[in-house]
Amino acid sequence: MTNKKLIKLIYSVFFLAGMVGIILFVINVVTDYKTYTDSEIVKANVINVSGTKNGMLDVKYQYNYGGKKYEENVRQSVGEIRAGDEKEIRIRKSIPKKIIITTITTVICNNIAFALSLFASLATIVLLFGLAKKKQKKILILKFNIENLPVFFFAKSFRPAKNQAY
């Protein structure tokens, strides 16, 4: 495989990886958007709080939505929460049993971090390929000059002087 074909293959692989990253980012943003537009905040009673598991609490909530009563367990970070407390929780309208524990701020920050890291990685790849191309051109120029250098010195050193007779 020649260098040009190899470079085109590498460009294609990185282009494909970049496109997959962009598609994953768009899917992530759309999913988050749908989750939060399909949600509602309801008042819930804390029924039970279990011990910590890996720094998380198992909390059982009881809430009403659409005339029905729901009881659901959620694993959330340790905070000041006790049985009998009344909390506001976010649930999905289409799936009222689904409690959303991630805040919208966290979701937005995660999406921004994902976009910035995707941009940084793609920019790094573009810069590295640009530098590699420049270095390859320099190497070709140096290689050309070094190959011609001995001939140039050889021809110059054995050339007779202008005033010397043959």
C-alpha atoms as a PDB file:
ATOM      1  CA  MET A   1       0.000   0.000   0.000  1.00  0.00           C
ATOM      2  CA  THR A   2       1.429   3.360  -0.988  1.00  0.00           C
ATOM      3  CA  ASN A   3       1.686   6.336   1.340  1.00  0.00           C
ATOM      4  CA  LYS A   4      -1.062   8.243  -0.471  1.00  0.00           C
ATOM      5  CA  LYS A   5      -3.494   5.338  -0.185  1.00  0.00           C
ATOM      6  CA  LEU A   6      -2.614   4.881   3.474  1.00  0.00           C
ATOM      7  CA  ILE A   7      -3.160   8.573   4.191  1.00  0.00           C
ATOM      8  CA  LYS A   8      -6.527   8.499   2.382  1.00  0.00           C
ATOM      9  CA  LEU A   9      -7.521   5.423   4.410  1.00  0.00           C
ATOM     10  CA  ILE A  10      -6.556   7.126   7.668  1.00  0.00           C
ATOM     11  CA  TYR A  11      -8.449  10.284   6.648  1.00  0.00           C
ATOM     12  CA  SER A  12     -11.502   8.158   5.867  1.00  0.00           C
ATOM     13  CA  VAL A  13     -11.357   6.337   9.212  1.00  0.00           C
ATOM     14  CA  PHE A  14     -11.066   9.578  11.176  1.00  0.00           C
ATOM     15  CA  PHE A  15     -13.793  11.229   9.103  1.00  0.00           C
ATOM     16  CA  LEU A  16     -16.071   8.269   9.799  1.00  0.00           C
ATOM     17  CA  ALA A  17     -15.217   8.386  13.528  1.00  0.00           C
ATOM     18  CA  GLY A  18     -15.983  12.122  13.571  1.00  0.00           C
ATOM     19  CA  MET A  19     -19.321  11.585  11.864  1.00  0.00           C
ATOM     20  CA  VAL A  20     -20.223   8.812  14.334  1.00  0.00           C
ATOM     21  CA  GLY A  21     -19.337  11.173  17.201  1.00  0.00           C
ATOM     22  CA  ILE A  22     -21.515  13.926  15.745  1.00  0.00           C
ATOM     23  CA  ILE A  23     -24.415  11.508  15.235  1.00  0.00           C
ATOM     24  CA  LEU A  24     -24.096  10.233  18.826  1.00  0.00           C
ATOM     25  CA  PHE A  25     -24.057  13.812  20.093  1.00  0.00           C
ATOM     26  CA  VAL A  26     -27.222  14.692  18.154  1.00  0.00           C
ATOM     27  CA  ILE A  27     -28.988  11.545  19.384  1.00  0.00           C
ATOM     28  CA  ASN A  28     -27.968  12.373  22.974  1.00  0.00           C
ATOM     29  CA  VAL A  29     -29.241  15.959  22.725  1.00  0.00           C
ATOM     30  CA  VAL A  30     -32.542  14.925  21.086  1.00  0.00           C
ATOM     31  CA  THR A  31     -33.122  12.210  23.713  1.00  0.00           C
ATOM     32  CA  ASP A  32     -32.450  14.660  26.549  1.00  0.00           C
ATOM     33  CA  TYR A  33     -34.735  17.245  24.937  1.00  0.00           C
ATOM     34  CA  LYS A  34     -37.564  14.720  24.573  1.00  0.00           C
ATOM     35  CA  THR A  35     -37.081  13.530  28.152  1.00  0.00           C
ATOM     36  CA  TYR A  36     -37.407  17.040  29.583  1.00  0.00           C
ATOM     37  CA  THR A  37     -40.218  18.221  27.315  1.00  0.00           C
ATOM     38  CA  ASP A  38     -42.132  15.039  28.236  1.00  0.00           C
ATOM     39  CA  SER A  39     -41.688  15.621  31.976  1.00  0.00           C
ATOM     40  CA  GLU A  40     -43.543  17.263  34.777  1.00  0.00           C
ATOM     41  CA  ILE A  41     -42.724  18.184  38.365  1.00  0.00           C
ATOM     42  CA  VAL A  42     -44.975  16.604  41.000  1.00  0.00           C
ATOM     43  CA  LYS A  43     -45.018  16.617  44.795  1.00  0.00           C
ATOM     44  CA  ALA A  44     -44.048  13.284  46.312  1.00  0.00           C
ATOM     45  CA  ASN A  45     -43.860  11.889  49.829  1.00  0.00           C
ATOM     46  CA  VAL A  46     -40.715  10.089  50.905  1.00  0.00           C
ATOM     47  CA  ILE A  47     -41.879   6.694  52.170  1.00  0.00           C
ATOM     48  CA  ASN A  48     -38.573   5.013  52.933  1.00  0.00           C
ATOM     49  CA  VAL A  49     -34.857   5.784  52.839  1.00  0.00           C
ATOM     50  CA  SER A  50     -32.489   2.807  52.772  1.00  0.00           C
ATOM     51  CA  GLY A  51     -28.806   2.753  53.656  1.00  0.00           C
ATOM     52  CA  THR A  52     -26.086   3.878  51.316  1.00  0.00           C
ATOM     53  CA  LYS A  53     -24.775   1.688  48.540  1.00  0.00           C
ATOM     54  CA  ASN A  54     -21.654   3.059  46.884  1.00  0.00           C
ATOM     55  CA  GLY A  55     -22.455   6.524  48.177  1.00  0.00           C
ATOM     56  CA  MET A  56     -26.078   6.367  46.992  1.00  0.00           C
ATOM     57  CA  LEU A  57     -29.396   6.184  48.852  1.00  0.00           C
ATOM     58  CA  ASP A  58     -32.367   4.032  47.892  1.00  0.00           C
ATOM     59  CA  VAL A  59     -35.361   6.338  48.274  1.00  0.00           C
ATOM     60  CA  LYS A  60     -38.980   5.240  47.893  1.00  0.00           C
ATOM     61  CA  TYR A  61     -41.386   7.951  46.739  1.00  0.00           C
ATOM     62  CA  GLN A  62     -45.174   7.974  46.699  1.00  0.00           C
ATOM     63  CA  TYR A  63     -46.925  10.409  44.369  1.00  0.00           C
ATOM     64  CA  ASN A  64     -50.148  10.965  42.449  1.00  0.00           C
ATOM     65  CA  TYR A  65     -50.294  11.611  38.735  1.00  0.00           C
ATOM     66  CA  GLY A  66     -53.307  11.489  36.446  1.00  0.00           C
ATOM     67  CA  GLY A  67     -55.550  10.286  39.264  1.00  0.00           C
ATOM     68  CA  LYS A  68     -53.351   7.255  39.962  1.00  0.00           C
ATOM     69  CA  LYS A  69     -51.085   6.609  42.931  1.00  0.00           C
ATOM     70  CA  TYR A  70     -47.497   5.523  42.264  1.00  0.00           C
ATOM     71  CA  GLU A  71     -44.734   4.205  44.513  1.00  0.00           C
ATOM     72  CA  GLU A  72     -41.282   4.054  42.981  1.00  0.00           C
ATOM     73  CA  ASN A  73     -37.742   3.497  44.188  1.00  0.00           C
ATOM     74  CA  VAL A  74     -34.928   5.726  43.030  1.00  0.00           C
ATOM     75  CA  ARG A  75     -31.214   5.560  43.727  1.00  0.00           C
ATOM     76  CA  GLN A  76     -29.918   9.056  44.297  1.00  0.00           C
ATOM     77  CA  SER A  77     -26.940  10.793  45.836  1.00  0.00           C
ATOM     78  CA  VAL A  78     -26.714  11.223  49.561  1.00  0.00           C
ATOM     79  CA  GLY A  79     -28.439  14.343  50.754  1.00  0.00           C
ATOM     80  CA  GLU A  80     -30.647  15.540  53.547  1.00  0.00           C
ATOM     81  CA  ILE A  81     -33.705  13.397  53.025  1.00  0.00           C
ATOM     82  CA  ARG A  82     -35.793  11.519  55.576  1.00  0.00           C
ATOM     83  CA  ALA A  83     -38.897   9.409  55.508  1.00  0.00           C
ATOM     84  CA  GLY A  84     -41.980  11.648  55.767  1.00  0.00           C
ATOM     85  CA  ASP A  85     -40.410  14.536  53.807  1.00  0.00           C
ATOM     86  CA  GLU A  86     -42.292  16.050  50.889  1.00  0.00           C
ATOM     87  CA  LYS A  87     -40.123  16.622  47.818  1.00  0.00           C
ATOM     88  CA  GLU A  88     -40.630  17.826  44.271  1.00  0.00           C
ATOM     89  CA  ILE A  89     -39.637  15.195  41.751  1.00  0.00           C
ATOM     90  CA  ARG A  90     -39.646  15.164  37.973  1.00  0.00           C
ATOM     91  CA  ILE A  91     -41.492  12.333  36.213  1.00  0.00           C
ATOM     92  CA  ARG A  92     -42.138  11.469  32.590  1.00  0.00           C
ATOM     93  CA  LYS A  93     -45.675  12.215  31.420  1.00  0.00           C
ATOM     94  CA  SER A  94     -45.710   9.279  29.035  1.00  0.00           C
ATOM     95  CA  ILE A  95     -44.215   6.898  31.633  1.00  0.00           C
ATOM     96  CA  PRO A  96     -45.338   8.178  35.066  1.00  0.00           C
ATOM     97  CA  LYS A  97     -43.449   5.369  36.811  1.00  0.00           C
ATOM     98  CA  LYS A  98     -40.181   6.820  35.504  1.00  0.00           C
ATOM     99  CA  ILE A  99     -38.633   9.318  37.925  1.00  0.00           C
ATOM    100  CA  ILE A 100     -35.966  11.582  36.417  1.00  0.00           C
ATOM    101  CA  ILE A 101     -33.244  12.246  38.974  1.00  0.00           C
ATOM    102  CA  THR A 102     -30.800  14.135  36.734  1.00  0.00           C
ATOM    103  CA  THR A 103     -31.272  17.899  36.815  1.00  0.00           C
ATOM    104  CA  ILE A 104     -31.616  19.898  33.601  1.00  0.00           C
ATOM    105  CA  THR A 105     -28.448  21.820  34.511  1.00  0.00           C
ATOM    106  CA  THR A 106     -26.482  18.578  34.695  1.00  0.00           C
ATOM    107  CA  VAL A 107     -27.875  17.461  31.340  1.00  0.00           C
ATOM    108  CA  ILE A 108     -26.947  20.764  29.673  1.00  0.00           C
ATOM    109  CA  CYS A 109     -23.445  20.687  31.191  1.00  0.00           C
ATOM    110  CA  ASN A 110     -22.960  17.087  30.007  1.00  0.00           C
ATOM    111  CA  ASN A 111     -24.041  18.027  26.474  1.00  0.00           C
ATOM    112  CA  ILE A 112     -21.713  21.028  26.421  1.00  0.00           C
ATOM    113  CA  ALA A 113     -18.813  18.905  27.705  1.00  0.00           C
ATOM    114  CA  PHE A 114     -19.553  16.253  25.068  1.00  0.00           C
ATOM    115  CA  ALA A 115     -19.638  18.872  22.300  1.00  0.00           C
ATOM    116  CA  LEU A 116     -16.409  20.522  23.454  1.00  0.00           C
ATOM    117  CA  SER A 117     -14.545  17.234  23.711  1.00  0.00           C
ATOM    118  CA  LEU A 118     -15.811  16.181  20.271  1.00  0.00           C
ATOM    119  CA  PHE A 119     -14.708  19.521  18.806  1.00  0.00           C
ATOM    120  CA  ALA A 120     -11.317  19.333  20.535  1.00  0.00           C
ATOM    121  CA  SER A 121     -10.653  15.798  19.337  1.00  0.00           C
ATOM    122  CA  LEU A 122     -11.644  16.606  15.746  1.00  0.00           C
ATOM    123  CA  ALA A 123      -9.544  19.791  15.797  1.00  0.00           C
ATOM    124  CA  THR A 124      -6.573  17.836  17.163  1.00  0.00           C
ATOM    125  CA  ILE A 125      -6.903  15.242  14.422  1.00  0.00           C
ATOM    126  CA  VAL A 126      -7.046  17.949  11.732  1.00  0.00           C
ATOM    127  CA  LEU A 127      -4.003  19.718  13.191  1.00  0.00           C
ATOM    128  CA  LEU A 128      -2.010  16.491  13.479  1.00  0.00           C
ATOM    129  CA  PHE A 129      -2.720  15.574   9.872  1.00  0.00           C
ATOM    130  CA  GLY A 130      -1.801  19.097   8.783  1.00  0.00           C
ATOM    131  CA  LEU A 131       1.501  18.880  10.649  1.00  0.00           C
ATOM    132  CA  ALA A 132       2.175  15.407   9.296  1.00  0.00           C
ATOM    133  CA  LYS A 133       1.600  16.642   5.742  1.00  0.00           C
ATOM    134  CA  LYS A 134       3.973  19.586   6.254  1.00  0.00           C
ATOM    135  CA  LYS A 135       6.602  17.315   7.772  1.00  0.00           C
ATOM    136  CA  GLN A 136       6.234  14.842   4.894  1.00  0.00           C
ATOM    137  CA  LYS A 137       6.785  17.667   2.371  1.00  0.00           C
ATOM    138  CA  LYS A 138       9.847  18.834   4.330  1.00  0.00           C
ATOM    139  CA  ILE A 139      11.249  15.310   4.399  1.00  0.00           C
ATOM    140  CA  LEU A 140      10.757  14.984   0.644  1.00  0.00           C
ATOM    141  CA  ILE A 141      12.516  18.323   0.058  1.00  0.00           C
ATOM    142  CA  LEU A 142      15.397  17.375   2.371  1.00  0.00           C
ATOM    143  CA  LYS A 143      15.645  13.945   0.791  1.00  0.00           C
ATOM    144  CA  PHE A 144      15.798  15.526  -2.661  1.00  0.00           C
ATOM    145  CA  ASN A 145      18.471  18.016  -1.574  1.00  0.00           C
ATOM    146  CA  ILE A 146      20.573  15.426   0.262  1.00  0.00           C
ATOM    147  CA  GLU A 147      20.544  13.078  -2.723  1.00  0.00           C
ATOM    148  CA  ASN A 148      21.699  15.853  -5.029  1.00  0.00           C
ATOM    149  CA  LEU A 149      24.199  17.300  -2.573  1.00  0.00           C
ATOM    150  CA  PRO A 150      27.097  14.844  -3.182  1.00  0.00           C
ATOM    151  CA  VAL A 151      26.803  15.256  -6.948  1.00  0.00           C
ATOM    152  CA  PHE A 152      26.860  19.015  -6.571  1.00  0.00           C
ATOM    153  CA  PHE A 153      29.969  18.950  -4.345  1.00  0.00           C
ATOM    154  CA  PHE A 154      31.626  16.285  -6.461  1.00  0.00           C
ATOM    155  CA  ALA A 155      31.076  18.234  -9.681  1.00  0.00           C
ATOM    156  CA  LYS A 156      32.210  21.509  -8.113  1.00  0.00           C
ATOM    157  CA  SER A 157      35.358  20.105  -6.529  1.00  0.00           C
ATOM    158  CA  PHE A 158      36.656  18.581  -9.797  1.00  0.00           C
ATOM    159  CA  ARG A 159      35.830  21.509 -12.021  1.00  0.00           C
ATOM    160  CA  PRO A 160      38.962  23.151 -13.370  1.00  0.00           C
ATOM    161  CA  ALA A 161      39.621  26.749 -12.489  1.00  0.00           C
ATOM    162  CA  LYS A 162      38.821  29.381 -15.122  1.00  0.00           C
ATOM    163  CA  ASN A 163      42.408  30.332 -15.729  1.00  0.00           C
ATOM    164  CA  GLN A 164      43.709  26.750 -15.752  1.00  0.00           C
ATOM    165  CA  ALA A 165      44.521  25.199 -19.134  1.00  0.00           C
ATOM    166  CA  TYR A 166      43.669  21.664 -20.087  1.00  0.00           C
END
